[in-house]
Amino acid sequence: MSMNSEMVKVAQWSDSDGLTQIPPNYKRIPINTGLENKTYIVTSILEEPYLMFKKPEDGQILEGNDLFEGYCKDLADLIADNLKFSFIIKLVNDSAYGGKDPSSPGGWNGMVGELIRKVS
């Protein structure tokens, strides 16, 4: 199966020749995801090496997503570039991943709670 869920012949077998590999001819099918030209909020917490505050160079003023660096930021940049959408990184208010918490609205705190409550 290719990335686009197409069947691709990669080898064949015969009694006389045995196994013969066939170089695959992958075709990229343009996909309209419906994400284009939209802006999404990506919620996260600061956790090295996934997301960290970037240290500005002398005289440099960082703002927006440029405030951050790390694996999650790099991955989000690549996905957004590939799918043609924008995103804004927002740190979760209580700096927690999320767990059941009866005292929190919706019964969860952290990122999970913000997703449940649709906090933006």
C-alpha atoms as a PDB file:
ATOM      1  CA  MET A   1       0.000   0.000   0.000  1.00  0.00           C
ATOM      2  CA  SER A   2       1.273   3.450  -0.847  1.00  0.00           C
ATOM      3  CA  MET A   3       0.862   6.581   1.268  1.00  0.00           C
ATOM      4  CA  ASN A   4      -2.317   7.270  -0.700  1.00  0.00           C
ATOM      5  CA  SER A   5      -3.703   3.781   0.010  1.00  0.00           C
ATOM      6  CA  GLU A   6      -3.113   2.534  -3.508  1.00  0.00           C
ATOM      7  CA  MET A   7      -1.983  -1.006  -4.179  1.00  0.00           C
ATOM      8  CA  VAL A   8       1.547  -0.976  -5.649  1.00  0.00           C
ATOM      9  CA  LYS A   9       3.328  -4.004  -7.092  1.00  0.00           C
ATOM     10  CA  VAL A  10       6.754  -4.284  -5.450  1.00  0.00           C
ATOM     11  CA  ALA A  11       7.837  -7.806  -6.473  1.00  0.00           C
ATOM     12  CA  GLN A  12       6.841 -10.890  -8.424  1.00  0.00           C
ATOM     13  CA  TRP A  13       7.665 -14.582  -8.179  1.00  0.00           C
ATOM     14  CA  SER A  14       8.243 -17.139 -10.875  1.00  0.00           C
ATOM     15  CA  ASP A  15       9.576 -20.706 -10.711  1.00  0.00           C
ATOM     16  CA  SER A  16      12.314 -19.919 -13.229  1.00  0.00           C
ATOM     17  CA  ASP A  17      13.492 -16.515 -11.940  1.00  0.00           C
ATOM     18  CA  GLY A  18      12.527 -16.656  -8.279  1.00  0.00           C
ATOM     19  CA  LEU A  19      11.742 -13.381  -6.582  1.00  0.00           C
ATOM     20  CA  THR A  20      12.158 -10.278  -8.715  1.00  0.00           C
ATOM     21  CA  GLN A  21      11.766  -6.925  -7.037  1.00  0.00           C
ATOM     22  CA  ILE A  22      10.032  -4.167  -8.956  1.00  0.00           C
ATOM     23  CA  PRO A  23      10.934  -0.556  -8.157  1.00  0.00           C
ATOM     24  CA  PRO A  24       7.687   1.049  -7.041  1.00  0.00           C
ATOM     25  CA  ASN A  25       6.286   3.948  -9.010  1.00  0.00           C
ATOM     26  CA  TYR A  26       4.644   6.019  -6.317  1.00  0.00           C
ATOM     27  CA  LYS A  27       2.213   8.707  -7.374  1.00  0.00           C
ATOM     28  CA  ARG A  28       1.336  11.560  -5.081  1.00  0.00           C
ATOM     29  CA  ILE A  29      -2.340  12.364  -5.263  1.00  0.00           C
ATOM     30  CA  PRO A  30      -3.115  15.950  -4.289  1.00  0.00           C
ATOM     31  CA  ILE A  31      -5.252  15.921  -1.201  1.00  0.00           C
ATOM     32  CA  ASN A  32      -7.609  18.752  -0.347  1.00  0.00           C
ATOM     33  CA  THR A  33      -7.718  18.537   3.430  1.00  0.00           C
ATOM     34  CA  GLY A  34      -9.937  21.539   4.042  1.00  0.00           C
ATOM     35  CA  LEU A  35      -7.243  22.874   6.411  1.00  0.00           C
ATOM     36  CA  GLU A  36      -5.806  25.348   3.926  1.00  0.00           C
ATOM     37  CA  ASN A  37      -5.716  29.024   4.918  1.00  0.00           C
ATOM     38  CA  LYS A  38      -7.062  28.352   8.417  1.00  0.00           C
ATOM     39  CA  THR A  39      -5.404  29.096  11.748  1.00  0.00           C
ATOM     40  CA  TYR A  40      -5.476  26.598  14.597  1.00  0.00           C
ATOM     41  CA  ILE A  41      -4.473  26.825  18.247  1.00  0.00           C
ATOM     42  CA  VAL A  42      -1.879  24.282  19.360  1.00  0.00           C
ATOM     43  CA  THR A  43      -1.890  23.891  23.120  1.00  0.00           C
ATOM     44  CA  SER A  44       1.166  22.506  24.865  1.00  0.00           C
ATOM     45  CA  ILE A  45       3.326  22.727  27.965  1.00  0.00           C
ATOM     46  CA  LEU A  46       6.995  23.609  28.311  1.00  0.00           C
ATOM     47  CA  GLU A  47       8.894  20.323  28.496  1.00  0.00           C
ATOM     48  CA  GLU A  48      12.433  19.873  27.156  1.00  0.00           C
ATOM     49  CA  PRO A  49      13.189  18.858  24.420  1.00  0.00           C
ATOM     50  CA  TYR A  50       9.638  19.048  23.094  1.00  0.00           C
ATOM     51  CA  LEU A  51       8.838  22.714  23.674  1.00  0.00           C
ATOM     52  CA  MET A  52      11.103  25.347  25.200  1.00  0.00           C
ATOM     53  CA  PHE A  53      11.427  29.098  25.201  1.00  0.00           C
ATOM     54  CA  LYS A  54      13.940  30.170  22.562  1.00  0.00           C
ATOM     55  CA  LYS A  55      16.801  32.370  23.771  1.00  0.00           C
ATOM     56  CA  PRO A  56      16.857  35.536  21.648  1.00  0.00           C
ATOM     57  CA  GLU A  57      20.085  36.775  20.127  1.00  0.00           C
ATOM     58  CA  ASP A  58      21.339  40.208  21.180  1.00  0.00           C
ATOM     59  CA  GLY A  59      18.816  42.839  20.128  1.00  0.00           C
ATOM     60  CA  GLN A  60      16.386  40.244  18.785  1.00  0.00           C
ATOM     61  CA  ILE A  61      12.744  40.500  19.846  1.00  0.00           C
ATOM     62  CA  LEU A  62      10.804  37.249  19.625  1.00  0.00           C
ATOM     63  CA  GLU A  63       7.030  37.145  19.440  1.00  0.00           C
ATOM     64  CA  GLY A  64       4.285  34.680  18.583  1.00  0.00           C
ATOM     65  CA  ASN A  65       5.453  31.183  17.653  1.00  0.00           C
ATOM     66  CA  ASP A  66       9.036  32.457  17.329  1.00  0.00           C
ATOM     67  CA  LEU A  67       9.172  32.496  21.136  1.00  0.00           C
ATOM     68  CA  PHE A  68       9.428  28.689  21.070  1.00  0.00           C
ATOM     69  CA  GLU A  69      11.714  25.934  19.835  1.00  0.00           C
ATOM     70  CA  GLY A  70      11.850  22.175  20.168  1.00  0.00           C
ATOM     71  CA  TYR A  71      10.565  18.964  18.639  1.00  0.00           C
ATOM     72  CA  CYS A  72       6.841  19.820  18.881  1.00  0.00           C
ATOM     73  CA  LYS A  73       7.404  23.267  17.352  1.00  0.00           C
ATOM     74  CA  ASP A  74       9.476  21.811  14.495  1.00  0.00           C
ATOM     75  CA  LEU A  75       6.905  19.079  13.852  1.00  0.00           C
ATOM     76  CA  ALA A  76       3.999  21.546  13.889  1.00  0.00           C
ATOM     77  CA  ASP A  77       5.900  23.820  11.466  1.00  0.00           C
ATOM     78  CA  LEU A  78       6.459  20.930   9.034  1.00  0.00           C
ATOM     79  CA  ILE A  79       2.838  19.746   9.182  1.00  0.00           C
ATOM     80  CA  ALA A  80       1.499  23.289   8.767  1.00  0.00           C
ATOM     81  CA  ASP A  81       3.803  23.970   5.807  1.00  0.00           C
ATOM     82  CA  ASN A  82       2.825  20.688   4.164  1.00  0.00           C
ATOM     83  CA  LEU A  83      -0.936  21.106   4.687  1.00  0.00           C
ATOM     84  CA  LYS A  84      -0.941  24.896   4.145  1.00  0.00           C
ATOM     85  CA  PHE A  85      -2.450  26.051   7.436  1.00  0.00           C
ATOM     86  CA  SER A  86      -1.276  28.354  10.226  1.00  0.00           C
ATOM     87  CA  PHE A  87      -1.135  27.769  13.951  1.00  0.00           C
ATOM     88  CA  ILE A  88      -0.638  29.661  17.177  1.00  0.00           C
ATOM     89  CA  ILE A  89       1.129  27.988  20.087  1.00  0.00           C
ATOM     90  CA  LYS A  90      -0.672  28.529  23.394  1.00  0.00           C
ATOM     91  CA  LEU A  91       0.740  27.285  26.660  1.00  0.00           C
ATOM     92  CA  VAL A  92      -1.781  25.457  28.814  1.00  0.00           C
ATOM     93  CA  ASN A  93      -2.880  27.625  31.739  1.00  0.00           C
ATOM     94  CA  ASP A  94      -1.993  25.204  34.564  1.00  0.00           C
ATOM     95  CA  SER A  95       1.162  23.686  32.970  1.00  0.00           C
ATOM     96  CA  ALA A  96      -0.247  20.145  33.252  1.00  0.00           C
ATOM     97  CA  TYR A  97      -0.828  17.412  30.701  1.00  0.00           C
ATOM     98  CA  GLY A  98      -4.204  16.662  32.190  1.00  0.00           C
ATOM     99  CA  GLY A  99      -5.757  14.347  34.686  1.00  0.00           C
ATOM    100  CA  LYS A 100      -9.102  13.761  36.324  1.00  0.00           C
ATOM    101  CA  ASP A 101      -9.836  16.594  38.717  1.00  0.00           C
ATOM    102  CA  PRO A 102     -13.330  16.893  40.187  1.00  0.00           C
ATOM    103  CA  SER A 103     -12.660  20.514  41.196  1.00  0.00           C
ATOM    104  CA  SER A 104     -11.963  21.555  37.571  1.00  0.00           C
ATOM    105  CA  PRO A 105     -14.767  22.414  35.158  1.00  0.00           C
ATOM    106  CA  GLY A 106     -15.466  19.357  33.013  1.00  0.00           C
ATOM    107  CA  GLY A 107     -13.738  17.090  35.540  1.00  0.00           C
ATOM    108  CA  TRP A 108     -10.249  17.371  33.983  1.00  0.00           C
ATOM    109  CA  ASN A 109      -7.337  19.752  34.335  1.00  0.00           C
ATOM    110  CA  GLY A 110      -4.367  20.520  32.044  1.00  0.00           C
ATOM    111  CA  MET A 111      -4.381  20.183  28.267  1.00  0.00           C
ATOM    112  CA  VAL A 112      -7.064  17.509  28.372  1.00  0.00           C
ATOM    113  CA  GLY A 113      -9.322  19.810  30.383  1.00  0.00           C
ATOM    114  CA  GLU A 114      -8.745  22.692  27.980  1.00  0.00           C
ATOM    115  CA  LEU A 115      -9.633  20.457  25.032  1.00  0.00           C
ATOM    116  CA  ILE A 116     -12.810  19.278  26.792  1.00  0.00           C
ATOM    117  CA  ARG A 117     -13.773  22.860  27.652  1.00  0.00           C
ATOM    118  CA  LYS A 118     -12.716  24.119  24.181  1.00  0.00           C
ATOM    119  CA  VAL A 119     -10.536  26.822  25.714  1.00  0.00           C
ATOM    120  CA  SER A 120      -8.878  29.043  23.128  1.00  0.00           C
END
